[in-house]
Amino acid sequence: ILFIIRNYSEDKKFLTNIFLIALL
């Protein structure tokens, strides 16, 4: 999931943060 976010999104930092926050 993080690989897809990092490679297929303009907002990599935002989406990484939002995924990890949602997961926690």
PDBML (XML) file of the C-alpha atoms, coordinates in Angstrom:
<?xml version="1.0" encoding="UTF-8" ?>
<PDBx:datablock datablockName="MODEL"
   xmlns:PDBx="http://pdbml.pdb.org/schema/pdbx-v50.xsd"
   xmlns:xsi="http://www.w3.org/2001/XMLSchema-instance"
   xsi:schemaLocation="http://pdbml.pdb.org/schema/pdbx-v50.xsd pdbx-v50.xsd">
   <PDBx:atom_siteCategory>
      <PDBx:atom_site id="1">
         <PDBx:B_iso_or_equiv>0.00</PDBx:B_iso_or_equiv>
         <PDBx:Cartn_x>0.000</PDBx:Cartn_x>
         <PDBx:Cartn_y>0.000</PDBx:Cartn_y>
         <PDBx:Cartn_z>0.000</PDBx:Cartn_z>
         <PDBx:auth_asym_id>A</PDBx:auth_asym_id>
         <PDBx:auth_atom_id>CA</PDBx:auth_atom_id>
         <PDBx:auth_comp_id>ILE</PDBx:auth_comp_id>
         <PDBx:auth_seq_id>1</PDBx:auth_seq_id>
         <PDBx:group_PDB>ATOM</PDBx:group_PDB>
         <PDBx:label_alt_id xsi:nil="true" />
         <PDBx:label_asym_id>A</PDBx:label_asym_id>
         <PDBx:label_atom_id>CA</PDBx:label_atom_id>
         <PDBx:label_comp_id>ILE</PDBx:label_comp_id>
         <PDBx:label_entity_id>1</PDBx:label_entity_id>
         <PDBx:label_seq_id>1</PDBx:label_seq_id>
         <PDBx:occupancy>1.00</PDBx:occupancy>
         <PDBx:pdbx_PDB_model_num>1</PDBx:pdbx_PDB_model_num>
         <PDBx:type_symbol>C</PDBx:type_symbol>
      </PDBx:atom_site>
      <PDBx:atom_site id="2">
         <PDBx:B_iso_or_equiv>0.00</PDBx:B_iso_or_equiv>
         <PDBx:Cartn_x>2.829</PDBx:Cartn_x>
         <PDBx:Cartn_y>2.394</PDBx:Cartn_y>
         <PDBx:Cartn_z>0.882</PDBx:Cartn_z>
         <PDBx:auth_asym_id>A</PDBx:auth_asym_id>
         <PDBx:auth_atom_id>CA</PDBx:auth_atom_id>
         <PDBx:auth_comp_id>LEU</PDBx:auth_comp_id>
         <PDBx:auth_seq_id>2</PDBx:auth_seq_id>
         <PDBx:group_PDB>ATOM</PDBx:group_PDB>
         <PDBx:label_alt_id xsi:nil="true" />
         <PDBx:label_asym_id>A</PDBx:label_asym_id>
         <PDBx:label_atom_id>CA</PDBx:label_atom_id>
         <PDBx:label_comp_id>LEU</PDBx:label_comp_id>
         <PDBx:label_entity_id>1</PDBx:label_entity_id>
         <PDBx:label_seq_id>2</PDBx:label_seq_id>
         <PDBx:occupancy>1.00</PDBx:occupancy>
         <PDBx:pdbx_PDB_model_num>1</PDBx:pdbx_PDB_model_num>
         <PDBx:type_symbol>C</PDBx:type_symbol>
      </PDBx:atom_site>
      <PDBx:atom_site id="3">
         <PDBx:B_iso_or_equiv>0.00</PDBx:B_iso_or_equiv>
         <PDBx:Cartn_x>4.618</PDBx:Cartn_x>
         <PDBx:Cartn_y>1.451</PDBx:Cartn_y>
         <PDBx:Cartn_z>-2.351</PDBx:Cartn_z>
         <PDBx:auth_asym_id>A</PDBx:auth_asym_id>
         <PDBx:auth_atom_id>CA</PDBx:auth_atom_id>
         <PDBx:auth_comp_id>PHE</PDBx:auth_comp_id>
         <PDBx:auth_seq_id>3</PDBx:auth_seq_id>
         <PDBx:group_PDB>ATOM</PDBx:group_PDB>
         <PDBx:label_alt_id xsi:nil="true" />
         <PDBx:label_asym_id>A</PDBx:label_asym_id>
         <PDBx:label_atom_id>CA</PDBx:label_atom_id>
         <PDBx:label_comp_id>PHE</PDBx:label_comp_id>
         <PDBx:label_entity_id>1</PDBx:label_entity_id>
         <PDBx:label_seq_id>3</PDBx:label_seq_id>
         <PDBx:occupancy>1.00</PDBx:occupancy>
         <PDBx:pdbx_PDB_model_num>1</PDBx:pdbx_PDB_model_num>
         <PDBx:type_symbol>C</PDBx:type_symbol>
      </PDBx:atom_site>
      <PDBx:atom_site id="4">
         <PDBx:B_iso_or_equiv>0.00</PDBx:B_iso_or_equiv>
         <PDBx:Cartn_x>1.534</PDBx:Cartn_x>
         <PDBx:Cartn_y>2.425</PDBx:Cartn_y>
         <PDBx:Cartn_z>-4.385</PDBx:Cartn_z>
         <PDBx:auth_asym_id>A</PDBx:auth_asym_id>
         <PDBx:auth_atom_id>CA</PDBx:auth_atom_id>
         <PDBx:auth_comp_id>ILE</PDBx:auth_comp_id>
         <PDBx:auth_seq_id>4</PDBx:auth_seq_id>
         <PDBx:group_PDB>ATOM</PDBx:group_PDB>
         <PDBx:label_alt_id xsi:nil="true" />
         <PDBx:label_asym_id>A</PDBx:label_asym_id>
         <PDBx:label_atom_id>CA</PDBx:label_atom_id>
         <PDBx:label_comp_id>ILE</PDBx:label_comp_id>
         <PDBx:label_entity_id>1</PDBx:label_entity_id>
         <PDBx:label_seq_id>4</PDBx:label_seq_id>
         <PDBx:occupancy>1.00</PDBx:occupancy>
         <PDBx:pdbx_PDB_model_num>1</PDBx:pdbx_PDB_model_num>
         <PDBx:type_symbol>C</PDBx:type_symbol>
      </PDBx:atom_site>
      <PDBx:atom_site id="5">
         <PDBx:B_iso_or_equiv>0.00</PDBx:B_iso_or_equiv>
         <PDBx:Cartn_x>1.181</PDBx:Cartn_x>
         <PDBx:Cartn_y>5.688</PDBx:Cartn_y>
         <PDBx:Cartn_z>-2.457</PDBx:Cartn_z>
         <PDBx:auth_asym_id>A</PDBx:auth_asym_id>
         <PDBx:auth_atom_id>CA</PDBx:auth_atom_id>
         <PDBx:auth_comp_id>ILE</PDBx:auth_comp_id>
         <PDBx:auth_seq_id>5</PDBx:auth_seq_id>
         <PDBx:group_PDB>ATOM</PDBx:group_PDB>
         <PDBx:label_alt_id xsi:nil="true" />
         <PDBx:label_asym_id>A</PDBx:label_asym_id>
         <PDBx:label_atom_id>CA</PDBx:label_atom_id>
         <PDBx:label_comp_id>ILE</PDBx:label_comp_id>
         <PDBx:label_entity_id>1</PDBx:label_entity_id>
         <PDBx:label_seq_id>5</PDBx:label_seq_id>
         <PDBx:occupancy>1.00</PDBx:occupancy>
         <PDBx:pdbx_PDB_model_num>1</PDBx:pdbx_PDB_model_num>
         <PDBx:type_symbol>C</PDBx:type_symbol>
      </PDBx:atom_site>
      <PDBx:atom_site id="6">
         <PDBx:B_iso_or_equiv>0.00</PDBx:B_iso_or_equiv>
         <PDBx:Cartn_x>4.854</PDBx:Cartn_x>
         <PDBx:Cartn_y>6.569</PDBx:Cartn_y>
         <PDBx:Cartn_z>-2.947</PDBx:Cartn_z>
         <PDBx:auth_asym_id>A</PDBx:auth_asym_id>
         <PDBx:auth_atom_id>CA</PDBx:auth_atom_id>
         <PDBx:auth_comp_id>ARG</PDBx:auth_comp_id>
         <PDBx:auth_seq_id>6</PDBx:auth_seq_id>
         <PDBx:group_PDB>ATOM</PDBx:group_PDB>
         <PDBx:label_alt_id xsi:nil="true" />
         <PDBx:label_asym_id>A</PDBx:label_asym_id>
         <PDBx:label_atom_id>CA</PDBx:label_atom_id>
         <PDBx:label_comp_id>ARG</PDBx:label_comp_id>
         <PDBx:label_entity_id>1</PDBx:label_entity_id>
         <PDBx:label_seq_id>6</PDBx:label_seq_id>
         <PDBx:occupancy>1.00</PDBx:occupancy>
         <PDBx:pdbx_PDB_model_num>1</PDBx:pdbx_PDB_model_num>
         <PDBx:type_symbol>C</PDBx:type_symbol>
      </PDBx:atom_site>
      <PDBx:atom_site id="7">
         <PDBx:B_iso_or_equiv>0.00</PDBx:B_iso_or_equiv>
         <PDBx:Cartn_x>4.890</PDBx:Cartn_x>
         <PDBx:Cartn_y>5.784</PDBx:Cartn_y>
         <PDBx:Cartn_z>-6.659</PDBx:Cartn_z>
         <PDBx:auth_asym_id>A</PDBx:auth_asym_id>
         <PDBx:auth_atom_id>CA</PDBx:auth_atom_id>
         <PDBx:auth_comp_id>ASN</PDBx:auth_comp_id>
         <PDBx:auth_seq_id>7</PDBx:auth_seq_id>
         <PDBx:group_PDB>ATOM</PDBx:group_PDB>
         <PDBx:label_alt_id xsi:nil="true" />
         <PDBx:label_asym_id>A</PDBx:label_asym_id>
         <PDBx:label_atom_id>CA</PDBx:label_atom_id>
         <PDBx:label_comp_id>ASN</PDBx:label_comp_id>
         <PDBx:label_entity_id>1</PDBx:label_entity_id>
         <PDBx:label_seq_id>7</PDBx:label_seq_id>
         <PDBx:occupancy>1.00</PDBx:occupancy>
         <PDBx:pdbx_PDB_model_num>1</PDBx:pdbx_PDB_model_num>
         <PDBx:type_symbol>C</PDBx:type_symbol>
      </PDBx:atom_site>
      <PDBx:atom_site id="8">
         <PDBx:B_iso_or_equiv>0.00</PDBx:B_iso_or_equiv>
         <PDBx:Cartn_x>1.429</PDBx:Cartn_x>
         <PDBx:Cartn_y>6.740</PDBx:Cartn_y>
         <PDBx:Cartn_z>-7.956</PDBx:Cartn_z>
         <PDBx:auth_asym_id>A</PDBx:auth_asym_id>
         <PDBx:auth_atom_id>CA</PDBx:auth_atom_id>
         <PDBx:auth_comp_id>TYR</PDBx:auth_comp_id>
         <PDBx:auth_seq_id>8</PDBx:auth_seq_id>
         <PDBx:group_PDB>ATOM</PDBx:group_PDB>
         <PDBx:label_alt_id xsi:nil="true" />
         <PDBx:label_asym_id>A</PDBx:label_asym_id>
         <PDBx:label_atom_id>CA</PDBx:label_atom_id>
         <PDBx:label_comp_id>TYR</PDBx:label_comp_id>
         <PDBx:label_entity_id>1</PDBx:label_entity_id>
         <PDBx:label_seq_id>8</PDBx:label_seq_id>
         <PDBx:occupancy>1.00</PDBx:occupancy>
         <PDBx:pdbx_PDB_model_num>1</PDBx:pdbx_PDB_model_num>
         <PDBx:type_symbol>C</PDBx:type_symbol>
      </PDBx:atom_site>
      <PDBx:atom_site id="9">
         <PDBx:B_iso_or_equiv>0.00</PDBx:B_iso_or_equiv>
         <PDBx:Cartn_x>0.488</PDBx:Cartn_x>
         <PDBx:Cartn_y>9.900</PDBx:Cartn_y>
         <PDBx:Cartn_z>-6.097</PDBx:Cartn_z>
         <PDBx:auth_asym_id>A</PDBx:auth_asym_id>
         <PDBx:auth_atom_id>CA</PDBx:auth_atom_id>
         <PDBx:auth_comp_id>SER</PDBx:auth_comp_id>
         <PDBx:auth_seq_id>9</PDBx:auth_seq_id>
         <PDBx:group_PDB>ATOM</PDBx:group_PDB>
         <PDBx:label_alt_id xsi:nil="true" />
         <PDBx:label_asym_id>A</PDBx:label_asym_id>
         <PDBx:label_atom_id>CA</PDBx:label_atom_id>
         <PDBx:label_comp_id>SER</PDBx:label_comp_id>
         <PDBx:label_entity_id>1</PDBx:label_entity_id>
         <PDBx:label_seq_id>9</PDBx:label_seq_id>
         <PDBx:occupancy>1.00</PDBx:occupancy>
         <PDBx:pdbx_PDB_model_num>1</PDBx:pdbx_PDB_model_num>
         <PDBx:type_symbol>C</PDBx:type_symbol>
      </PDBx:atom_site>
      <PDBx:atom_site id="10">
         <PDBx:B_iso_or_equiv>0.00</PDBx:B_iso_or_equiv>
         <PDBx:Cartn_x>1.451</PDBx:Cartn_x>
         <PDBx:Cartn_y>13.571</PDBx:Cartn_y>
         <PDBx:Cartn_z>-6.150</PDBx:Cartn_z>
         <PDBx:auth_asym_id>A</PDBx:auth_asym_id>
         <PDBx:auth_atom_id>CA</PDBx:auth_atom_id>
         <PDBx:auth_comp_id>GLU</PDBx:auth_comp_id>
         <PDBx:auth_seq_id>10</PDBx:auth_seq_id>
         <PDBx:group_PDB>ATOM</PDBx:group_PDB>
         <PDBx:label_alt_id xsi:nil="true" />
         <PDBx:label_asym_id>A</PDBx:label_asym_id>
         <PDBx:label_atom_id>CA</PDBx:label_atom_id>
         <PDBx:label_comp_id>GLU</PDBx:label_comp_id>
         <PDBx:label_entity_id>1</PDBx:label_entity_id>
         <PDBx:label_seq_id>10</PDBx:label_seq_id>
         <PDBx:occupancy>1.00</PDBx:occupancy>
         <PDBx:pdbx_PDB_model_num>1</PDBx:pdbx_PDB_model_num>
         <PDBx:type_symbol>C</PDBx:type_symbol>
      </PDBx:atom_site>
      <PDBx:atom_site id="11">
         <PDBx:B_iso_or_equiv>0.00</PDBx:B_iso_or_equiv>
         <PDBx:Cartn_x>0.695</PDBx:Cartn_x>
         <PDBx:Cartn_y>13.970</PDBx:Cartn_y>
         <PDBx:Cartn_z>-2.424</PDBx:Cartn_z>
         <PDBx:auth_asym_id>A</PDBx:auth_asym_id>
         <PDBx:auth_atom_id>CA</PDBx:auth_atom_id>
         <PDBx:auth_comp_id>ASP</PDBx:auth_comp_id>
         <PDBx:auth_seq_id>11</PDBx:auth_seq_id>
         <PDBx:group_PDB>ATOM</PDBx:group_PDB>
         <PDBx:label_alt_id xsi:nil="true" />
         <PDBx:label_asym_id>A</PDBx:label_asym_id>
         <PDBx:label_atom_id>CA</PDBx:label_atom_id>
         <PDBx:label_comp_id>ASP</PDBx:label_comp_id>
         <PDBx:label_entity_id>1</PDBx:label_entity_id>
         <PDBx:label_seq_id>11</PDBx:label_seq_id>
         <PDBx:occupancy>1.00</PDBx:occupancy>
         <PDBx:pdbx_PDB_model_num>1</PDBx:pdbx_PDB_model_num>
         <PDBx:type_symbol>C</PDBx:type_symbol>
      </PDBx:atom_site>
      <PDBx:atom_site id="12">
         <PDBx:B_iso_or_equiv>0.00</PDBx:B_iso_or_equiv>
         <PDBx:Cartn_x>3.031</PDBx:Cartn_x>
         <PDBx:Cartn_y>11.227</PDBx:Cartn_y>
         <PDBx:Cartn_z>-1.200</PDBx:Cartn_z>
         <PDBx:auth_asym_id>A</PDBx:auth_asym_id>
         <PDBx:auth_atom_id>CA</PDBx:auth_atom_id>
         <PDBx:auth_comp_id>LYS</PDBx:auth_comp_id>
         <PDBx:auth_seq_id>12</PDBx:auth_seq_id>
         <PDBx:group_PDB>ATOM</PDBx:group_PDB>
         <PDBx:label_alt_id xsi:nil="true" />
         <PDBx:label_asym_id>A</PDBx:label_asym_id>
         <PDBx:label_atom_id>CA</PDBx:label_atom_id>
         <PDBx:label_comp_id>LYS</PDBx:label_comp_id>
         <PDBx:label_entity_id>1</PDBx:label_entity_id>
         <PDBx:label_seq_id>12</PDBx:label_seq_id>
         <PDBx:occupancy>1.00</PDBx:occupancy>
         <PDBx:pdbx_PDB_model_num>1</PDBx:pdbx_PDB_model_num>
         <PDBx:type_symbol>C</PDBx:type_symbol>
      </PDBx:atom_site>
      <PDBx:atom_site id="13">
         <PDBx:B_iso_or_equiv>0.00</PDBx:B_iso_or_equiv>
         <PDBx:Cartn_x>3.755</PDBx:Cartn_x>
         <PDBx:Cartn_y>12.800</PDBx:Cartn_y>
         <PDBx:Cartn_z>2.175</PDBx:Cartn_z>
         <PDBx:auth_asym_id>A</PDBx:auth_asym_id>
         <PDBx:auth_atom_id>CA</PDBx:auth_atom_id>
         <PDBx:auth_comp_id>LYS</PDBx:auth_comp_id>
         <PDBx:auth_seq_id>13</PDBx:auth_seq_id>
         <PDBx:group_PDB>ATOM</PDBx:group_PDB>
         <PDBx:label_alt_id xsi:nil="true" />
         <PDBx:label_asym_id>A</PDBx:label_asym_id>
         <PDBx:label_atom_id>CA</PDBx:label_atom_id>
         <PDBx:label_comp_id>LYS</PDBx:label_comp_id>
         <PDBx:label_entity_id>1</PDBx:label_entity_id>
         <PDBx:label_seq_id>13</PDBx:label_seq_id>
         <PDBx:occupancy>1.00</PDBx:occupancy>
         <PDBx:pdbx_PDB_model_num>1</PDBx:pdbx_PDB_model_num>
         <PDBx:type_symbol>C</PDBx:type_symbol>
      </PDBx:atom_site>
      <PDBx:atom_site id="14">
         <PDBx:B_iso_or_equiv>0.00</PDBx:B_iso_or_equiv>
         <PDBx:Cartn_x>0.114</PDBx:Cartn_x>
         <PDBx:Cartn_y>13.584</PDBx:Cartn_y>
         <PDBx:Cartn_z>2.979</PDBx:Cartn_z>
         <PDBx:auth_asym_id>A</PDBx:auth_asym_id>
         <PDBx:auth_atom_id>CA</PDBx:auth_atom_id>
         <PDBx:auth_comp_id>PHE</PDBx:auth_comp_id>
         <PDBx:auth_seq_id>14</PDBx:auth_seq_id>
         <PDBx:group_PDB>ATOM</PDBx:group_PDB>
         <PDBx:label_alt_id xsi:nil="true" />
         <PDBx:label_asym_id>A</PDBx:label_asym_id>
         <PDBx:label_atom_id>CA</PDBx:label_atom_id>
         <PDBx:label_comp_id>PHE</PDBx:label_comp_id>
         <PDBx:label_entity_id>1</PDBx:label_entity_id>
         <PDBx:label_seq_id>14</PDBx:label_seq_id>
         <PDBx:occupancy>1.00</PDBx:occupancy>
         <PDBx:pdbx_PDB_model_num>1</PDBx:pdbx_PDB_model_num>
         <PDBx:type_symbol>C</PDBx:type_symbol>
      </PDBx:atom_site>
      <PDBx:atom_site id="15">
         <PDBx:B_iso_or_equiv>0.00</PDBx:B_iso_or_equiv>
         <PDBx:Cartn_x>-1.173</PDBx:Cartn_x>
         <PDBx:Cartn_y>10.151</PDBx:Cartn_y>
         <PDBx:Cartn_z>1.962</PDBx:Cartn_z>
         <PDBx:auth_asym_id>A</PDBx:auth_asym_id>
         <PDBx:auth_atom_id>CA</PDBx:auth_atom_id>
         <PDBx:auth_comp_id>LEU</PDBx:auth_comp_id>
         <PDBx:auth_seq_id>15</PDBx:auth_seq_id>
         <PDBx:group_PDB>ATOM</PDBx:group_PDB>
         <PDBx:label_alt_id xsi:nil="true" />
         <PDBx:label_asym_id>A</PDBx:label_asym_id>
         <PDBx:label_atom_id>CA</PDBx:label_atom_id>
         <PDBx:label_comp_id>LEU</PDBx:label_comp_id>
         <PDBx:label_entity_id>1</PDBx:label_entity_id>
         <PDBx:label_seq_id>15</PDBx:label_seq_id>
         <PDBx:occupancy>1.00</PDBx:occupancy>
         <PDBx:pdbx_PDB_model_num>1</PDBx:pdbx_PDB_model_num>
         <PDBx:type_symbol>C</PDBx:type_symbol>
      </PDBx:atom_site>
      <PDBx:atom_site id="16">
         <PDBx:B_iso_or_equiv>0.00</PDBx:B_iso_or_equiv>
         <PDBx:Cartn_x>1.609</PDBx:Cartn_x>
         <PDBx:Cartn_y>8.336</PDBx:Cartn_y>
         <PDBx:Cartn_z>3.827</PDBx:Cartn_z>
         <PDBx:auth_asym_id>A</PDBx:auth_asym_id>
         <PDBx:auth_atom_id>CA</PDBx:auth_atom_id>
         <PDBx:auth_comp_id>THR</PDBx:auth_comp_id>
         <PDBx:auth_seq_id>16</PDBx:auth_seq_id>
         <PDBx:group_PDB>ATOM</PDBx:group_PDB>
         <PDBx:label_alt_id xsi:nil="true" />
         <PDBx:label_asym_id>A</PDBx:label_asym_id>
         <PDBx:label_atom_id>CA</PDBx:label_atom_id>
         <PDBx:label_comp_id>THR</PDBx:label_comp_id>
         <PDBx:label_entity_id>1</PDBx:label_entity_id>
         <PDBx:label_seq_id>16</PDBx:label_seq_id>
         <PDBx:occupancy>1.00</PDBx:occupancy>
         <PDBx:pdbx_PDB_model_num>1</PDBx:pdbx_PDB_model_num>
         <PDBx:type_symbol>C</PDBx:type_symbol>
      </PDBx:atom_site>
      <PDBx:atom_site id="17">
         <PDBx:B_iso_or_equiv>0.00</PDBx:B_iso_or_equiv>
         <PDBx:Cartn_x>0.744</PDBx:Cartn_x>
         <PDBx:Cartn_y>10.294</PDBx:Cartn_y>
         <PDBx:Cartn_z>6.968</PDBx:Cartn_z>
         <PDBx:auth_asym_id>A</PDBx:auth_asym_id>
         <PDBx:auth_atom_id>CA</PDBx:auth_atom_id>
         <PDBx:auth_comp_id>ASN</PDBx:auth_comp_id>
         <PDBx:auth_seq_id>17</PDBx:auth_seq_id>
         <PDBx:group_PDB>ATOM</PDBx:group_PDB>
         <PDBx:label_alt_id xsi:nil="true" />
         <PDBx:label_asym_id>A</PDBx:label_asym_id>
         <PDBx:label_atom_id>CA</PDBx:label_atom_id>
         <PDBx:label_comp_id>ASN</PDBx:label_comp_id>
         <PDBx:label_entity_id>1</PDBx:label_entity_id>
         <PDBx:label_seq_id>17</PDBx:label_seq_id>
         <PDBx:occupancy>1.00</PDBx:occupancy>
         <PDBx:pdbx_PDB_model_num>1</PDBx:pdbx_PDB_model_num>
         <PDBx:type_symbol>C</PDBx:type_symbol>
      </PDBx:atom_site>
      <PDBx:atom_site id="18">
         <PDBx:B_iso_or_equiv>0.00</PDBx:B_iso_or_equiv>
         <PDBx:Cartn_x>-3.003</PDBx:Cartn_x>
         <PDBx:Cartn_y>9.813</PDBx:Cartn_y>
         <PDBx:Cartn_z>6.600</PDBx:Cartn_z>
         <PDBx:auth_asym_id>A</PDBx:auth_asym_id>
         <PDBx:auth_atom_id>CA</PDBx:auth_atom_id>
         <PDBx:auth_comp_id>ILE</PDBx:auth_comp_id>
         <PDBx:auth_seq_id>18</PDBx:auth_seq_id>
         <PDBx:group_PDB>ATOM</PDBx:group_PDB>
         <PDBx:label_alt_id xsi:nil="true" />
         <PDBx:label_asym_id>A</PDBx:label_asym_id>
         <PDBx:label_atom_id>CA</PDBx:label_atom_id>
         <PDBx:label_comp_id>ILE</PDBx:label_comp_id>
         <PDBx:label_entity_id>1</PDBx:label_entity_id>
         <PDBx:label_seq_id>18</PDBx:label_seq_id>
         <PDBx:occupancy>1.00</PDBx:occupancy>
         <PDBx:pdbx_PDB_model_num>1</PDBx:pdbx_PDB_model_num>
         <PDBx:type_symbol>C</PDBx:type_symbol>
      </PDBx:atom_site>
      <PDBx:atom_site id="19">
         <PDBx:B_iso_or_equiv>0.00</PDBx:B_iso_or_equiv>
         <PDBx:Cartn_x>-2.635</PDBx:Cartn_x>
         <PDBx:Cartn_y>6.054</PDBx:Cartn_y>
         <PDBx:Cartn_z>6.022</PDBx:Cartn_z>
         <PDBx:auth_asym_id>A</PDBx:auth_asym_id>
         <PDBx:auth_atom_id>CA</PDBx:auth_atom_id>
         <PDBx:auth_comp_id>PHE</PDBx:auth_comp_id>
         <PDBx:auth_seq_id>19</PDBx:auth_seq_id>
         <PDBx:group_PDB>ATOM</PDBx:group_PDB>
         <PDBx:label_alt_id xsi:nil="true" />
         <PDBx:label_asym_id>A</PDBx:label_asym_id>
         <PDBx:label_atom_id>CA</PDBx:label_atom_id>
         <PDBx:label_comp_id>PHE</PDBx:label_comp_id>
         <PDBx:label_entity_id>1</PDBx:label_entity_id>
         <PDBx:label_seq_id>19</PDBx:label_seq_id>
         <PDBx:occupancy>1.00</PDBx:occupancy>
         <PDBx:pdbx_PDB_model_num>1</PDBx:pdbx_PDB_model_num>
         <PDBx:type_symbol>C</PDBx:type_symbol>
      </PDBx:atom_site>
      <PDBx:atom_site id="20">
         <PDBx:B_iso_or_equiv>0.00</PDBx:B_iso_or_equiv>
         <PDBx:Cartn_x>-0.372</PDBx:Cartn_x>
         <PDBx:Cartn_y>5.595</PDBx:Cartn_y>
         <PDBx:Cartn_z>9.060</PDBx:Cartn_z>
         <PDBx:auth_asym_id>A</PDBx:auth_asym_id>
         <PDBx:auth_atom_id>CA</PDBx:auth_atom_id>
         <PDBx:auth_comp_id>LEU</PDBx:auth_comp_id>
         <PDBx:auth_seq_id>20</PDBx:auth_seq_id>
         <PDBx:group_PDB>ATOM</PDBx:group_PDB>
         <PDBx:label_alt_id xsi:nil="true" />
         <PDBx:label_asym_id>A</PDBx:label_asym_id>
         <PDBx:label_atom_id>CA</PDBx:label_atom_id>
         <PDBx:label_comp_id>LEU</PDBx:label_comp_id>
         <PDBx:label_entity_id>1</PDBx:label_entity_id>
         <PDBx:label_seq_id>20</PDBx:label_seq_id>
         <PDBx:occupancy>1.00</PDBx:occupancy>
         <PDBx:pdbx_PDB_model_num>1</PDBx:pdbx_PDB_model_num>
         <PDBx:type_symbol>C</PDBx:type_symbol>
      </PDBx:atom_site>
      <PDBx:atom_site id="21">
         <PDBx:B_iso_or_equiv>0.00</PDBx:B_iso_or_equiv>
         <PDBx:Cartn_x>-2.603</PDBx:Cartn_x>
         <PDBx:Cartn_y>7.764</PDBx:Cartn_y>
         <PDBx:Cartn_z>11.273</PDBx:Cartn_z>
         <PDBx:auth_asym_id>A</PDBx:auth_asym_id>
         <PDBx:auth_atom_id>CA</PDBx:auth_atom_id>
         <PDBx:auth_comp_id>ILE</PDBx:auth_comp_id>
         <PDBx:auth_seq_id>21</PDBx:auth_seq_id>
         <PDBx:group_PDB>ATOM</PDBx:group_PDB>
         <PDBx:label_alt_id xsi:nil="true" />
         <PDBx:label_asym_id>A</PDBx:label_asym_id>
         <PDBx:label_atom_id>CA</PDBx:label_atom_id>
         <PDBx:label_comp_id>ILE</PDBx:label_comp_id>
         <PDBx:label_entity_id>1</PDBx:label_entity_id>
         <PDBx:label_seq_id>21</PDBx:label_seq_id>
         <PDBx:occupancy>1.00</PDBx:occupancy>
         <PDBx:pdbx_PDB_model_num>1</PDBx:pdbx_PDB_model_num>
         <PDBx:type_symbol>C</PDBx:type_symbol>
      </PDBx:atom_site>
      <PDBx:atom_site id="22">
         <PDBx:B_iso_or_equiv>0.00</PDBx:B_iso_or_equiv>
         <PDBx:Cartn_x>-5.688</PDBx:Cartn_x>
         <PDBx:Cartn_y>5.810</PDBx:Cartn_y>
         <PDBx:Cartn_z>10.157</PDBx:Cartn_z>
         <PDBx:auth_asym_id>A</PDBx:auth_asym_id>
         <PDBx:auth_atom_id>CA</PDBx:auth_atom_id>
         <PDBx:auth_comp_id>ALA</PDBx:auth_comp_id>
         <PDBx:auth_seq_id>22</PDBx:auth_seq_id>
         <PDBx:group_PDB>ATOM</PDBx:group_PDB>
         <PDBx:label_alt_id xsi:nil="true" />
         <PDBx:label_asym_id>A</PDBx:label_asym_id>
         <PDBx:label_atom_id>CA</PDBx:label_atom_id>
         <PDBx:label_comp_id>ALA</PDBx:label_comp_id>
         <PDBx:label_entity_id>1</PDBx:label_entity_id>
         <PDBx:label_seq_id>22</PDBx:label_seq_id>
         <PDBx:occupancy>1.00</PDBx:occupancy>
         <PDBx:pdbx_PDB_model_num>1</PDBx:pdbx_PDB_model_num>
         <PDBx:type_symbol>C</PDBx:type_symbol>
      </PDBx:atom_site>
      <PDBx:atom_site id="23">
         <PDBx:B_iso_or_equiv>0.00</PDBx:B_iso_or_equiv>
         <PDBx:Cartn_x>-3.856</PDBx:Cartn_x>
         <PDBx:Cartn_y>2.531</PDBx:Cartn_y>
         <PDBx:Cartn_z>10.757</PDBx:Cartn_z>
         <PDBx:auth_asym_id>A</PDBx:auth_asym_id>
         <PDBx:auth_atom_id>CA</PDBx:auth_atom_id>
         <PDBx:auth_comp_id>LEU</PDBx:auth_comp_id>
         <PDBx:auth_seq_id>23</PDBx:auth_seq_id>
         <PDBx:group_PDB>ATOM</PDBx:group_PDB>
         <PDBx:label_alt_id xsi:nil="true" />
         <PDBx:label_asym_id>A</PDBx:label_asym_id>
         <PDBx:label_atom_id>CA</PDBx:label_atom_id>
         <PDBx:label_comp_id>LEU</PDBx:label_comp_id>
         <PDBx:label_entity_id>1</PDBx:label_entity_id>
         <PDBx:label_seq_id>23</PDBx:label_seq_id>
         <PDBx:occupancy>1.00</PDBx:occupancy>
         <PDBx:pdbx_PDB_model_num>1</PDBx:pdbx_PDB_model_num>
         <PDBx:type_symbol>C</PDBx:type_symbol>
      </PDBx:atom_site>
      <PDBx:atom_site id="24">
         <PDBx:B_iso_or_equiv>0.00</PDBx:B_iso_or_equiv>
         <PDBx:Cartn_x>-2.684</PDBx:Cartn_x>
         <PDBx:Cartn_y>3.531</PDBx:Cartn_y>
         <PDBx:Cartn_z>14.251</PDBx:Cartn_z>
         <PDBx:auth_asym_id>A</PDBx:auth_asym_id>
         <PDBx:auth_atom_id>CA</PDBx:auth_atom_id>
         <PDBx:auth_comp_id>LEU</PDBx:auth_comp_id>
         <PDBx:auth_seq_id>24</PDBx:auth_seq_id>
         <PDBx:group_PDB>ATOM</PDBx:group_PDB>
         <PDBx:label_alt_id xsi:nil="true" />
         <PDBx:label_asym_id>A</PDBx:label_asym_id>
         <PDBx:label_atom_id>CA</PDBx:label_atom_id>
         <PDBx:label_comp_id>LEU</PDBx:label_comp_id>
         <PDBx:label_entity_id>1</PDBx:label_entity_id>
         <PDBx:label_seq_id>24</PDBx:label_seq_id>
         <PDBx:occupancy>1.00</PDBx:occupancy>
         <PDBx:pdbx_PDB_model_num>1</PDBx:pdbx_PDB_model_num>
         <PDBx:type_symbol>C</PDBx:type_symbol>
      </PDBx:atom_site>
   </PDBx:atom_siteCategory>
</PDBx:datablock>
